[in-house]
């Protein structure tokens, strides 16, 4: 694929803090438009699971980066395959979520996953969600969205999601974890969480998923 072809493939980036609803919204926008979908968080969670399985401390950057570079990651619909193993369930645990925020703060890890993420860009278009999709990975995106919600609302959503999946969860602990994760994501030295220049911001605290999706589609139609 030529550079010119890549530059003409439309991209929508949806960035925002953990549990803001990015993944659900991005997947639905992609479905409505017939675009491909990149859940960048799944890649970082897979790297986190790999570090847990290998017993690698997130502070041990050389070993961590070496392991991440050796990973064979593939997304097939909602399934995530790591070195041929289906880790779709493992990456959605709270342990993986907390570790992924730590792993994502390591510059070498972000560099190792950058080309893999950009490889998802294919015609007819791509919707990508994460923390730095619009600022670093796809700065050429036609539409950049920053989706957020209050920490309490996000904790309540995560709590409901975990309970529905049969996991035990404590709302106060989830709120603390989200606040700590927000702080790590915003203060990391490389690609901190922030709205990209020109991004359209939307607070989903009092909105339904359908309302958020419809708003993004309206913005895209005007882009």
N, C-alpha and C. Protein backbone atom coordinates (compact mmCIF):
# COMPACT_ATOMS: atom_id res chain seq x y z
N UNK A 1 0.85 -1.19 0.00
CA UNK A 1 0.00 0.00 0.00
C UNK A 1 0.88 1.24 0.00
N UNK A 2 0.65 2.14 -0.95
CA UNK A 2 1.48 3.33 -1.05
C UNK A 2 1.14 4.33 0.04
N UNK A 3 2.08 5.28 0.26
CA UNK A 3 1.86 6.32 1.26
C UNK A 3 0.62 7.14 0.89
N UNK A 4 0.46 7.44 -0.41
CA UNK A 4 -0.68 8.23 -0.85
C UNK A 4 -1.98 7.50 -0.56
N UNK A 5 -2.00 6.17 -0.80
CA UNK A 5 -3.20 5.39 -0.53
C UNK A 5 -3.55 5.43 0.95
N UNK A 6 -2.53 5.24 1.80
CA UNK A 6 -2.75 5.28 3.24
C UNK A 6 -3.31 6.62 3.67
N UNK A 7 -2.78 7.69 3.11
CA UNK A 7 -3.22 9.02 3.51
C UNK A 7 -4.66 9.30 3.10
N UNK A 8 -5.18 8.60 2.07
CA UNK A 8 -6.54 8.87 1.61
C UNK A 8 -7.58 7.95 2.25
N UNK A 9 -7.16 6.94 3.00
CA UNK A 9 -8.11 6.08 3.70
C UNK A 9 -8.63 6.83 4.91
N UNK A 10 -9.95 7.01 5.03
CA UNK A 10 -10.48 7.79 6.15
C UNK A 10 -10.29 7.08 7.49
N UNK A 11 -9.96 7.88 8.51
CA UNK A 11 -9.77 7.37 9.87
C UNK A 11 -10.57 8.22 10.84
N UNK A 12 -11.23 7.56 11.77
CA UNK A 12 -11.87 8.23 12.90
C UNK A 12 -11.18 7.74 14.15
N UNK A 13 -10.65 8.65 14.95
CA UNK A 13 -10.02 8.25 16.21
C UNK A 13 -10.93 8.65 17.37
N UNK A 14 -11.04 7.75 18.34
CA UNK A 14 -11.83 8.02 19.53
C UNK A 14 -10.95 7.74 20.75
N UNK A 15 -10.46 8.81 21.35
CA UNK A 15 -9.60 8.71 22.52
C UNK A 15 -10.38 9.08 23.77
N UNK A 16 -9.84 8.69 24.92
CA UNK A 16 -10.48 9.05 26.17
C UNK A 16 -9.99 8.17 27.30
N UNK A 17 -10.36 8.50 28.52
CA UNK A 17 -9.92 7.73 29.69
C UNK A 17 -10.56 6.36 29.75
N UNK A 18 -10.05 5.53 30.64
CA UNK A 18 -10.56 4.18 30.82
C UNK A 18 -12.04 4.19 31.20
N UNK A 19 -12.79 3.23 30.62
CA UNK A 19 -14.21 3.03 30.93
C UNK A 19 -15.10 4.20 30.50
N UNK A 20 -14.65 4.97 29.53
CA UNK A 20 -15.48 6.07 29.03
C UNK A 20 -16.45 5.59 27.96
N UNK A 21 -16.35 4.33 27.58
CA UNK A 21 -17.24 3.78 26.56
C UNK A 21 -16.67 3.81 25.16
N UNK A 22 -15.37 4.10 25.05
CA UNK A 22 -14.74 4.22 23.73
C UNK A 22 -14.92 2.98 22.87
N UNK A 23 -14.67 1.82 23.47
CA UNK A 23 -14.69 0.59 22.69
C UNK A 23 -16.06 0.29 22.11
N UNK A 24 -17.08 0.37 22.93
CA UNK A 24 -18.45 0.11 22.47
C UNK A 24 -18.85 1.10 21.39
N UNK A 25 -18.57 2.38 21.65
CA UNK A 25 -18.92 3.42 20.69
C UNK A 25 -18.16 3.24 19.38
N UNK A 26 -16.85 3.00 19.46
CA UNK A 26 -16.04 2.86 18.26
C UNK A 26 -16.49 1.67 17.42
N UNK A 27 -16.78 0.55 18.08
CA UNK A 27 -17.23 -0.63 17.35
C UNK A 27 -18.54 -0.37 16.62
N UNK A 28 -19.45 0.36 17.26
CA UNK A 28 -20.74 0.64 16.62
C UNK A 28 -20.60 1.64 15.48
N UNK A 29 -19.72 2.63 15.65
CA UNK A 29 -19.48 3.59 14.56
C UNK A 29 -18.89 2.86 13.36
N UNK A 30 -17.93 1.97 13.63
CA UNK A 30 -17.30 1.20 12.55
C UNK A 30 -18.33 0.34 11.83
N UNK A 31 -19.22 -0.28 12.59
CA UNK A 31 -20.25 -1.13 11.99
C UNK A 31 -21.19 -0.31 11.12
N UNK A 32 -21.58 0.86 11.61
CA UNK A 32 -22.51 1.71 10.85
C UNK A 32 -21.88 2.18 9.52
N UNK A 33 -20.58 2.42 9.55
CA UNK A 33 -19.90 2.92 8.36
C UNK A 33 -19.33 1.82 7.48
N UNK A 34 -19.29 0.59 7.99
CA UNK A 34 -18.67 -0.49 7.24
C UNK A 34 -17.16 -0.40 7.27
N UNK A 35 -16.60 0.22 8.33
CA UNK A 35 -15.15 0.39 8.47
C UNK A 35 -14.56 -0.73 9.33
N UNK A 36 -13.23 -0.85 9.27
CA UNK A 36 -12.51 -1.74 10.17
C UNK A 36 -12.44 -1.07 11.55
N UNK A 37 -12.15 -1.87 12.57
CA UNK A 37 -12.11 -1.36 13.94
C UNK A 37 -10.83 -1.80 14.63
N UNK A 38 -10.17 -0.85 15.28
CA UNK A 38 -8.97 -1.14 16.06
C UNK A 38 -9.22 -0.82 17.53
N UNK A 39 -9.18 -1.86 18.35
CA UNK A 39 -9.25 -1.70 19.81
C UNK A 39 -7.82 -1.72 20.32
N UNK A 40 -7.18 -0.54 20.36
CA UNK A 40 -5.77 -0.50 20.75
C UNK A 40 -5.57 -0.95 22.19
N UNK A 41 -6.59 -0.73 23.03
CA UNK A 41 -6.48 -1.15 24.42
C UNK A 41 -6.29 -2.65 24.54
N UNK A 42 -6.90 -3.41 23.61
CA UNK A 42 -6.76 -4.87 23.64
C UNK A 42 -5.31 -5.28 23.42
N UNK A 43 -4.60 -4.52 22.58
CA UNK A 43 -3.20 -4.84 22.32
C UNK A 43 -2.35 -4.59 23.57
N UNK A 44 -2.61 -3.48 24.25
CA UNK A 44 -1.88 -3.18 25.48
C UNK A 44 -2.24 -4.17 26.59
N UNK A 45 -3.50 -4.56 26.63
CA UNK A 45 -3.91 -5.55 27.64
C UNK A 45 -3.25 -6.90 27.35
N UNK A 46 -3.12 -7.25 26.07
CA UNK A 46 -2.44 -8.49 25.72
C UNK A 46 -0.98 -8.44 26.14
N UNK A 47 -0.35 -7.28 25.94
CA UNK A 47 1.04 -7.12 26.39
C UNK A 47 1.13 -7.24 27.90
N UNK A 48 0.10 -6.72 28.59
CA UNK A 48 0.06 -6.81 30.05
C UNK A 48 -0.05 -8.26 30.49
N UNK A 49 -0.95 -9.01 29.85
CA UNK A 49 -1.11 -10.43 30.19
C UNK A 49 0.18 -11.19 29.94
N UNK A 50 0.84 -10.87 28.84
CA UNK A 50 2.12 -11.53 28.53
C UNK A 50 3.15 -11.26 29.62
N UNK A 51 3.17 -10.04 30.14
CA UNK A 51 4.13 -9.70 31.20
C UNK A 51 3.80 -10.42 32.49
N UNK A 52 2.50 -10.58 32.77
CA UNK A 52 2.08 -11.29 33.97
C UNK A 52 2.46 -12.76 33.87
N UNK A 53 2.17 -13.37 32.73
CA UNK A 53 2.49 -14.78 32.53
C UNK A 53 3.99 -15.05 32.62
N UNK A 54 4.78 -14.08 32.14
CA UNK A 54 6.24 -14.26 32.14
C UNK A 54 6.88 -13.79 33.44
N UNK A 55 6.08 -13.22 34.34
CA UNK A 55 6.62 -12.74 35.61
C UNK A 55 7.55 -11.55 35.46
N UNK A 56 7.25 -10.70 34.49
CA UNK A 56 8.11 -9.54 34.22
C UNK A 56 7.55 -8.31 34.94
N UNK A 57 8.36 -7.67 35.74
CA UNK A 57 7.97 -6.44 36.44
C UNK A 57 7.82 -5.32 35.41
N UNK A 58 6.74 -4.53 35.47
CA UNK A 58 6.55 -3.43 34.51
C UNK A 58 7.70 -2.43 34.51
N UNK A 59 8.47 -2.38 35.60
CA UNK A 59 9.60 -1.45 35.67
C UNK A 59 10.83 -1.98 34.93
N UNK A 60 10.81 -3.28 34.58
CA UNK A 60 11.95 -3.89 33.89
C UNK A 60 11.78 -3.68 32.39
N UNK A 61 12.09 -2.47 31.93
CA UNK A 61 11.81 -2.11 30.54
C UNK A 61 12.50 -3.02 29.52
N UNK A 62 13.79 -3.35 29.66
CA UNK A 62 14.44 -4.19 28.64
C UNK A 62 13.73 -5.54 28.44
N UNK A 63 13.43 -6.24 29.53
CA UNK A 63 12.75 -7.54 29.41
C UNK A 63 11.34 -7.38 28.89
N UNK A 64 10.67 -6.34 29.34
CA UNK A 64 9.29 -6.11 28.93
C UNK A 64 9.21 -5.82 27.44
N UNK A 65 10.06 -4.94 26.95
CA UNK A 65 10.06 -4.59 25.53
C UNK A 65 10.43 -5.80 24.68
N UNK A 66 11.41 -6.57 25.14
CA UNK A 66 11.81 -7.77 24.40
C UNK A 66 10.63 -8.74 24.25
N UNK A 67 9.86 -8.91 25.34
CA UNK A 67 8.72 -9.81 25.28
C UNK A 67 7.64 -9.27 24.36
N UNK A 68 7.38 -7.97 24.43
CA UNK A 68 6.33 -7.38 23.60
C UNK A 68 6.70 -7.48 22.12
N UNK A 69 7.97 -7.24 21.80
CA UNK A 69 8.42 -7.32 20.40
C UNK A 69 8.29 -8.74 19.84
N UNK A 70 8.34 -9.72 20.71
CA UNK A 70 8.25 -11.12 20.25
C UNK A 70 6.81 -11.61 20.11
N UNK A 71 5.84 -10.81 20.59
CA UNK A 71 4.45 -11.24 20.56
C UNK A 71 3.89 -11.33 19.14
N UNK A 72 3.10 -12.35 18.92
CA UNK A 72 2.33 -12.47 17.69
C UNK A 72 0.88 -12.18 18.06
N UNK A 73 0.43 -10.95 17.75
CA UNK A 73 -0.90 -10.52 18.13
C UNK A 73 -1.81 -10.42 16.91
N UNK A 74 -3.02 -10.92 17.07
CA UNK A 74 -3.98 -10.86 15.97
C UNK A 74 -5.38 -10.70 16.53
N UNK A 75 -6.14 -9.80 15.93
CA UNK A 75 -7.53 -9.60 16.34
C UNK A 75 -8.44 -10.22 15.28
N UNK A 76 -9.37 -11.04 15.74
CA UNK A 76 -10.33 -11.67 14.84
C UNK A 76 -11.72 -11.40 15.39
N UNK A 77 -12.35 -10.33 14.91
CA UNK A 77 -13.62 -9.92 15.47
C UNK A 77 -13.41 -9.46 16.90
N UNK A 78 -14.13 -10.06 17.85
CA UNK A 78 -13.97 -9.70 19.26
C UNK A 78 -12.91 -10.56 19.93
N UNK A 79 -12.33 -11.50 19.21
CA UNK A 79 -11.31 -12.37 19.78
C UNK A 79 -9.92 -11.77 19.60
N UNK A 80 -9.07 -11.95 20.61
CA UNK A 80 -7.69 -11.51 20.53
C UNK A 80 -6.80 -12.74 20.72
N UNK A 81 -5.94 -12.98 19.74
CA UNK A 81 -5.04 -14.12 19.78
C UNK A 81 -3.63 -13.65 20.06
N UNK A 82 -2.98 -14.23 21.04
CA UNK A 82 -1.61 -13.89 21.40
C UNK A 82 -0.77 -15.15 21.30
N UNK A 83 0.17 -15.14 20.36
CA UNK A 83 1.00 -16.33 20.11
C UNK A 83 0.12 -17.55 19.88
N UNK A 84 -0.99 -17.36 19.17
CA UNK A 84 -1.89 -18.45 18.84
C UNK A 84 -2.89 -18.80 19.92
N UNK A 85 -2.78 -18.20 21.10
CA UNK A 85 -3.69 -18.49 22.21
C UNK A 85 -4.78 -17.43 22.30
N UNK A 86 -6.01 -17.87 22.50
CA UNK A 86 -7.13 -16.95 22.65
C UNK A 86 -7.08 -16.36 24.06
N UNK A 87 -6.77 -15.06 24.14
CA UNK A 87 -6.68 -14.40 25.45
C UNK A 87 -7.81 -13.38 25.62
N UNK A 88 -8.89 -13.56 24.87
CA UNK A 88 -10.00 -12.60 24.88
C UNK A 88 -10.55 -12.38 26.28
N UNK A 89 -10.68 -13.45 27.05
CA UNK A 89 -11.20 -13.32 28.41
C UNK A 89 -10.14 -12.79 29.37
N UNK A 90 -8.92 -13.28 29.23
CA UNK A 90 -7.83 -12.90 30.14
C UNK A 90 -7.53 -11.41 30.09
N UNK A 91 -7.66 -10.79 28.93
CA UNK A 91 -7.30 -9.37 28.82
C UNK A 91 -8.37 -8.46 29.40
N UNK A 92 -9.55 -9.00 29.70
CA UNK A 92 -10.64 -8.16 30.20
C UNK A 92 -10.75 -8.16 31.72
N UNK A 93 -9.84 -8.83 32.41
CA UNK A 93 -9.87 -8.81 33.87
C UNK A 93 -9.35 -7.49 34.40
N UNK A 94 -9.69 -7.17 35.63
CA UNK A 94 -9.21 -5.93 36.24
C UNK A 94 -7.70 -5.96 36.41
N UNK A 95 -7.14 -7.14 36.71
CA UNK A 95 -5.68 -7.26 36.85
C UNK A 95 -4.99 -6.86 35.55
N UNK A 96 -5.54 -7.33 34.42
CA UNK A 96 -4.96 -6.97 33.13
C UNK A 96 -5.12 -5.49 32.85
N UNK A 97 -6.26 -4.92 33.26
CA UNK A 97 -6.49 -3.50 33.04
C UNK A 97 -5.53 -2.62 33.80
N UNK A 98 -5.31 -2.95 35.06
CA UNK A 98 -4.37 -2.18 35.88
C UNK A 98 -2.96 -2.32 35.34
N UNK A 99 -2.56 -3.56 35.00
CA UNK A 99 -1.20 -3.77 34.48
C UNK A 99 -1.01 -3.10 33.13
N UNK A 100 -2.06 -3.06 32.30
CA UNK A 100 -1.92 -2.45 30.98
C UNK A 100 -1.60 -0.97 31.08
N UNK A 101 -2.16 -0.28 32.08
CA UNK A 101 -1.86 1.13 32.27
C UNK A 101 -0.40 1.32 32.64
N UNK A 102 0.15 0.39 33.44
CA UNK A 102 1.56 0.45 33.82
C UNK A 102 2.45 0.16 32.62
N UNK A 103 2.07 -0.86 31.85
CA UNK A 103 2.84 -1.25 30.67
C UNK A 103 2.83 -0.14 29.62
N UNK A 104 1.67 0.52 29.47
CA UNK A 104 1.52 1.56 28.46
C UNK A 104 2.37 2.79 28.76
N UNK A 105 2.82 2.93 30.00
CA UNK A 105 3.65 4.08 30.37
C UNK A 105 5.12 3.86 29.98
N UNK A 106 5.45 2.67 29.51
CA UNK A 106 6.84 2.35 29.15
C UNK A 106 7.08 2.76 27.69
N UNK A 107 7.98 3.71 27.43
CA UNK A 107 8.19 4.21 26.06
C UNK A 107 8.49 3.11 25.04
N UNK A 108 9.32 2.15 25.42
CA UNK A 108 9.68 1.09 24.49
C UNK A 108 8.51 0.22 24.09
N UNK A 109 7.56 0.04 24.98
CA UNK A 109 6.37 -0.74 24.68
C UNK A 109 5.51 0.00 23.65
N UNK A 110 5.34 1.29 23.86
CA UNK A 110 4.52 2.07 22.93
C UNK A 110 5.15 2.06 21.53
N UNK A 111 6.48 2.16 21.48
CA UNK A 111 7.17 2.13 20.19
C UNK A 111 6.99 0.77 19.53
N UNK A 112 7.06 -0.30 20.32
CA UNK A 112 6.96 -1.66 19.78
C UNK A 112 5.57 -1.92 19.19
N UNK A 113 4.54 -1.30 19.74
CA UNK A 113 3.17 -1.55 19.28
C UNK A 113 2.70 -0.56 18.22
N UNK A 114 3.48 0.47 17.96
CA UNK A 114 3.05 1.53 17.04
C UNK A 114 2.80 1.00 15.63
N UNK A 115 3.77 0.29 15.05
CA UNK A 115 3.61 -0.23 13.69
C UNK A 115 2.47 -1.23 13.61
N UNK A 116 2.31 -2.03 14.66
CA UNK A 116 1.24 -3.02 14.68
C UNK A 116 -0.12 -2.32 14.59
N UNK A 117 -0.27 -1.22 15.34
CA UNK A 117 -1.53 -0.49 15.31
C UNK A 117 -1.77 0.15 13.95
N UNK A 118 -0.75 0.74 13.37
CA UNK A 118 -0.92 1.38 12.06
C UNK A 118 -1.22 0.37 10.97
N UNK A 119 -0.85 -0.89 11.20
CA UNK A 119 -1.13 -1.93 10.23
C UNK A 119 -2.60 -2.25 10.09
N UNK A 120 -3.43 -1.76 11.01
CA UNK A 120 -4.86 -1.99 10.93
C UNK A 120 -5.53 -1.05 9.91
N UNK A 121 -4.79 -0.07 9.42
CA UNK A 121 -5.37 0.89 8.48
C UNK A 121 -5.55 0.24 7.11
N UNK A 122 -6.80 -0.03 6.78
CA UNK A 122 -7.15 -0.64 5.51
C UNK A 122 -8.43 -0.02 4.98
N UNK A 123 -8.57 -0.04 3.63
CA UNK A 123 -9.79 0.45 3.01
C UNK A 123 -10.95 -0.48 3.42
N UNK A 124 -12.16 0.05 3.55
CA UNK A 124 -12.59 1.41 3.17
C UNK A 124 -12.34 2.48 4.23
N UNK A 125 -11.95 2.09 5.45
CA UNK A 125 -11.70 3.07 6.50
C UNK A 125 -11.48 2.38 7.83
N UNK A 126 -11.12 3.16 8.84
CA UNK A 126 -10.81 2.61 10.15
C UNK A 126 -11.35 3.51 11.26
N UNK A 127 -11.90 2.87 12.28
CA UNK A 127 -12.24 3.56 13.52
C UNK A 127 -11.33 2.99 14.59
N UNK A 128 -10.54 3.85 15.23
CA UNK A 128 -9.55 3.39 16.21
C UNK A 128 -9.80 4.06 17.55
N UNK A 129 -9.84 3.25 18.61
CA UNK A 129 -10.02 3.84 19.93
C UNK A 129 -8.82 3.56 20.82
N UNK A 130 -8.56 4.49 21.74
CA UNK A 130 -7.43 4.33 22.64
C UNK A 130 -7.16 5.58 23.44
N UNK A 131 -5.87 5.82 23.71
CA UNK A 131 -5.46 6.99 24.48
C UNK A 131 -4.72 8.01 23.60
N UNK A 132 -4.03 7.51 22.56
CA UNK A 132 -3.21 8.41 21.73
C UNK A 132 -3.44 8.18 20.24
N UNK A 133 -4.63 7.71 19.87
CA UNK A 133 -4.91 7.44 18.47
C UNK A 133 -4.85 8.71 17.62
N UNK A 134 -5.43 9.78 18.13
CA UNK A 134 -5.45 11.02 17.37
C UNK A 134 -4.20 11.87 17.51
N UNK A 135 -3.48 11.69 18.62
CA UNK A 135 -2.29 12.50 18.85
C UNK A 135 -1.03 11.89 18.26
N UNK A 136 -0.91 10.56 18.26
CA UNK A 136 0.34 9.89 17.86
C UNK A 136 0.15 8.89 16.73
N UNK A 137 -0.79 7.97 16.88
CA UNK A 137 -0.88 6.86 15.94
C UNK A 137 -1.46 7.27 14.59
N UNK A 138 -2.55 8.03 14.60
CA UNK A 138 -3.18 8.47 13.35
C UNK A 138 -3.43 9.98 13.37
N UNK A 139 -2.36 10.77 13.37
CA UNK A 139 -2.54 12.23 13.43
C UNK A 139 -3.23 12.79 12.19
N UNK A 140 -3.29 11.97 11.11
CA UNK A 140 -3.93 12.41 9.87
C UNK A 140 -5.42 12.13 9.85
N UNK A 141 -5.97 11.64 10.95
CA UNK A 141 -7.38 11.23 11.00
C UNK A 141 -8.32 12.33 10.51
N UNK A 142 -9.34 11.92 9.78
CA UNK A 142 -10.33 12.87 9.26
C UNK A 142 -11.16 13.46 10.40
N UNK A 143 -11.49 12.63 11.38
CA UNK A 143 -12.25 13.08 12.54
C UNK A 143 -11.60 12.55 13.80
N UNK A 144 -11.35 13.44 14.75
CA UNK A 144 -10.78 13.05 16.04
C UNK A 144 -11.79 13.38 17.13
N UNK A 145 -12.06 12.39 17.97
CA UNK A 145 -13.05 12.54 19.04
C UNK A 145 -12.37 12.26 20.37
N UNK A 146 -12.69 13.06 21.38
CA UNK A 146 -12.23 12.79 22.75
C UNK A 146 -13.47 12.54 23.58
N UNK A 147 -13.64 11.29 24.00
CA UNK A 147 -14.82 10.85 24.72
C UNK A 147 -14.50 10.67 26.20
N UNK A 148 -15.28 11.31 27.05
CA UNK A 148 -15.01 11.21 28.48
C UNK A 148 -16.32 11.06 29.25
N UNK A 149 -16.19 10.92 30.56
CA UNK A 149 -17.32 10.86 31.49
C UNK A 149 -16.71 11.03 32.87
N UNK A 150 -17.53 11.37 33.84
CA UNK A 150 -17.00 11.55 35.19
C UNK A 150 -16.44 10.24 35.71
N UNK A 151 -15.49 10.34 36.63
CA UNK A 151 -14.85 9.14 37.18
C UNK A 151 -15.88 8.23 37.86
N UNK A 152 -16.83 8.83 38.58
CA UNK A 152 -17.83 8.02 39.27
C UNK A 152 -18.73 7.28 38.28
N UNK A 153 -19.17 7.95 37.24
CA UNK A 153 -20.00 7.30 36.23
C UNK A 153 -19.24 6.17 35.57
N UNK A 154 -17.97 6.40 35.26
CA UNK A 154 -17.17 5.36 34.62
C UNK A 154 -16.97 4.15 35.55
N UNK A 155 -16.77 4.43 36.84
CA UNK A 155 -16.62 3.34 37.81
C UNK A 155 -17.92 2.54 37.92
N UNK A 156 -19.05 3.23 37.92
CA UNK A 156 -20.34 2.55 38.00
C UNK A 156 -20.58 1.68 36.77
N UNK A 157 -20.20 2.19 35.60
CA UNK A 157 -20.35 1.40 34.37
C UNK A 157 -19.47 0.16 34.41
N UNK A 158 -18.22 0.33 34.84
CA UNK A 158 -17.31 -0.81 34.92
C UNK A 158 -17.81 -1.83 35.93
N UNK A 159 -18.33 -1.35 37.06
CA UNK A 159 -18.86 -2.24 38.10
C UNK A 159 -20.02 -3.07 37.54
N UNK A 160 -20.95 -2.43 36.85
CA UNK A 160 -22.10 -3.11 36.25
C UNK A 160 -21.63 -4.15 35.23
N UNK A 161 -20.65 -3.76 34.42
CA UNK A 161 -20.12 -4.65 33.39
C UNK A 161 -19.50 -5.91 34.00
N UNK A 162 -18.72 -5.73 35.05
CA UNK A 162 -18.06 -6.86 35.69
C UNK A 162 -19.07 -7.79 36.37
N UNK A 163 -20.04 -7.21 37.05
CA UNK A 163 -21.07 -8.01 37.73
C UNK A 163 -21.85 -8.84 36.71
N UNK A 164 -22.19 -8.21 35.58
CA UNK A 164 -22.95 -8.92 34.54
C UNK A 164 -22.15 -10.08 33.95
N UNK A 165 -20.81 -9.97 33.99
CA UNK A 165 -19.96 -11.04 33.46
C UNK A 165 -19.62 -12.09 34.51
N UNK A 166 -20.17 -11.89 35.72
CA UNK A 166 -19.97 -12.89 36.76
C UNK A 166 -18.75 -12.68 37.64
N UNK A 167 -18.09 -11.50 37.50
CA UNK A 167 -16.92 -11.19 38.33
C UNK A 167 -17.35 -10.44 39.59
N UNK A 168 -16.66 -10.67 40.69
CA UNK A 168 -16.91 -9.88 41.89
C UNK A 168 -16.22 -8.53 41.73
N UNK A 169 -16.84 -7.47 42.23
CA UNK A 169 -16.27 -6.13 42.06
C UNK A 169 -16.72 -5.22 43.18
N UNK A 170 -15.84 -4.32 43.60
CA UNK A 170 -16.12 -3.35 44.64
C UNK A 170 -16.08 -1.96 44.01
N UNK A 171 -17.19 -1.23 44.11
CA UNK A 171 -17.30 0.06 43.44
C UNK A 171 -16.24 1.05 43.93
N UNK A 172 -16.01 1.13 45.23
CA UNK A 172 -15.03 2.08 45.77
C UNK A 172 -13.62 1.75 45.26
N UNK A 173 -13.31 0.46 45.21
CA UNK A 173 -11.99 0.06 44.72
C UNK A 173 -11.84 0.37 43.24
N UNK A 174 -12.91 0.15 42.47
CA UNK A 174 -12.87 0.46 41.05
C UNK A 174 -12.68 1.95 40.81
N UNK A 175 -13.34 2.77 41.62
CA UNK A 175 -13.21 4.22 41.48
C UNK A 175 -11.77 4.64 41.76
N UNK A 176 -11.17 4.10 42.82
CA UNK A 176 -9.77 4.43 43.14
C UNK A 176 -8.85 4.00 42.01
N UNK A 177 -9.06 2.80 41.49
CA UNK A 177 -8.22 2.29 40.40
C UNK A 177 -8.34 3.18 39.17
N UNK A 178 -9.56 3.60 38.84
CA UNK A 178 -9.75 4.46 37.67
C UNK A 178 -9.07 5.80 37.85
N UNK A 179 -9.18 6.37 39.03
CA UNK A 179 -8.54 7.66 39.29
C UNK A 179 -7.03 7.55 39.21
N UNK A 180 -6.47 6.45 39.75
CA UNK A 180 -5.03 6.23 39.67
C UNK A 180 -4.60 6.00 38.23
N UNK A 181 -5.41 5.26 37.48
CA UNK A 181 -5.10 4.99 36.08
C UNK A 181 -5.15 6.28 35.27
N UNK A 182 -6.14 7.13 35.53
CA UNK A 182 -6.24 8.41 34.85
C UNK A 182 -4.98 9.25 35.08
N UNK A 183 -4.52 9.26 36.32
CA UNK A 183 -3.34 10.04 36.66
C UNK A 183 -2.10 9.52 35.94
N UNK A 184 -1.94 8.18 35.90
CA UNK A 184 -0.80 7.60 35.18
C UNK A 184 -0.88 7.93 33.70
N UNK A 185 -2.07 7.80 33.13
CA UNK A 185 -2.22 8.03 31.69
C UNK A 185 -1.96 9.48 31.31
N UNK A 186 -2.39 10.41 32.19
CA UNK A 186 -2.22 11.82 31.86
C UNK A 186 -0.80 12.33 32.12
N UNK A 187 -0.09 11.69 33.04
CA UNK A 187 1.22 12.21 33.45
C UNK A 187 2.40 11.46 32.86
N UNK A 188 2.16 10.39 32.08
CA UNK A 188 3.30 9.64 31.53
C UNK A 188 4.08 10.52 30.56
N UNK A 189 5.37 10.23 30.45
CA UNK A 189 6.25 11.07 29.65
C UNK A 189 5.98 10.94 28.15
N UNK A 190 5.59 9.75 27.70
CA UNK A 190 5.38 9.52 26.28
C UNK A 190 3.89 9.37 25.99
N UNK A 191 3.40 10.13 25.01
CA UNK A 191 2.01 10.06 24.55
C UNK A 191 1.01 10.08 25.70
N UNK A 192 1.03 11.12 26.53
CA UNK A 192 0.05 11.19 27.63
C UNK A 192 -1.37 11.33 27.10
N UNK A 193 -2.32 10.91 27.92
CA UNK A 193 -3.72 11.02 27.55
C UNK A 193 -4.10 12.50 27.45
N UNK A 194 -4.58 12.89 26.28
CA UNK A 194 -4.99 14.29 26.06
C UNK A 194 -5.80 14.35 24.78
N UNK A 195 -6.67 15.32 24.70
CA UNK A 195 -7.43 15.52 23.47
C UNK A 195 -6.49 16.00 22.38
N UNK A 196 -6.59 15.41 21.19
CA UNK A 196 -5.75 15.81 20.07
C UNK A 196 -6.14 17.21 19.61
N UNK A 197 -5.21 17.97 19.04
CA UNK A 197 -5.56 19.28 18.48
C UNK A 197 -6.70 19.12 17.48
N UNK A 198 -7.72 19.91 17.63
CA UNK A 198 -8.85 19.86 16.71
C UNK A 198 -9.87 18.78 17.02
N UNK A 199 -9.67 18.03 18.12
CA UNK A 199 -10.60 16.96 18.46
C UNK A 199 -11.96 17.51 18.90
N UNK A 200 -13.01 16.80 18.56
CA UNK A 200 -14.35 17.14 19.04
C UNK A 200 -14.55 16.41 20.36
N UNK A 201 -14.88 17.13 21.40
CA UNK A 201 -15.01 16.52 22.73
C UNK A 201 -16.48 16.26 23.07
N UNK A 202 -16.72 15.12 23.72
CA UNK A 202 -18.08 14.77 24.12
C UNK A 202 -18.05 14.08 25.48
N UNK A 203 -18.87 14.56 26.40
CA UNK A 203 -19.00 13.97 27.73
C UNK A 203 -20.22 13.07 27.72
N UNK A 204 -19.98 11.77 27.93
CA UNK A 204 -21.06 10.79 27.83
C UNK A 204 -21.74 10.50 29.16
N UNK A 205 -21.44 11.29 30.20
CA UNK A 205 -21.98 11.01 31.54
C UNK A 205 -23.49 10.88 31.54
N UNK A 206 -24.19 11.71 30.77
CA UNK A 206 -25.65 11.68 30.77
C UNK A 206 -26.23 11.27 29.42
N UNK A 207 -25.39 10.69 28.56
CA UNK A 207 -25.82 10.29 27.23
C UNK A 207 -25.86 8.78 27.08
N UNK A 208 -26.71 8.30 26.21
CA UNK A 208 -26.74 6.87 25.90
C UNK A 208 -25.70 6.58 24.82
N UNK A 209 -25.38 5.31 24.64
CA UNK A 209 -24.44 4.91 23.60
C UNK A 209 -24.97 5.33 22.23
N UNK A 210 -26.25 5.15 22.02
CA UNK A 210 -26.86 5.52 20.73
C UNK A 210 -26.69 7.01 20.46
N UNK A 211 -26.89 7.84 21.48
CA UNK A 211 -26.74 9.29 21.30
C UNK A 211 -25.30 9.66 20.96
N UNK A 212 -24.34 9.01 21.61
CA UNK A 212 -22.94 9.31 21.34
C UNK A 212 -22.57 8.87 19.92
N UNK A 213 -22.99 7.69 19.54
CA UNK A 213 -22.71 7.18 18.19
C UNK A 213 -23.31 8.09 17.13
N UNK A 214 -24.55 8.48 17.32
CA UNK A 214 -25.21 9.36 16.35
C UNK A 214 -24.49 10.70 16.23
N UNK A 215 -24.01 11.24 17.35
CA UNK A 215 -23.29 12.51 17.31
C UNK A 215 -22.00 12.38 16.52
N UNK A 216 -21.27 11.31 16.74
CA UNK A 216 -20.01 11.09 16.02
C UNK A 216 -20.27 10.93 14.53
N UNK A 217 -21.32 10.21 14.17
CA UNK A 217 -21.65 10.04 12.75
C UNK A 217 -22.04 11.37 12.11
N UNK A 218 -22.71 12.23 12.85
CA UNK A 218 -23.04 13.57 12.33
C UNK A 218 -21.77 14.37 12.10
N UNK A 219 -20.84 14.30 13.06
CA UNK A 219 -19.57 15.03 12.89
C UNK A 219 -18.81 14.49 11.68
N UNK A 220 -18.83 13.17 11.51
CA UNK A 220 -18.07 12.59 10.39
C UNK A 220 -18.67 13.02 9.05
N UNK A 221 -19.99 13.10 9.00
CA UNK A 221 -20.65 13.52 7.76
C UNK A 221 -20.28 14.95 7.39
N UNK A 222 -19.92 15.75 8.41
CA UNK A 222 -19.57 17.15 8.18
C UNK A 222 -18.06 17.34 7.99
N UNK A 223 -17.28 16.29 8.27
CA UNK A 223 -15.81 16.43 8.23
C UNK A 223 -15.29 16.58 6.81
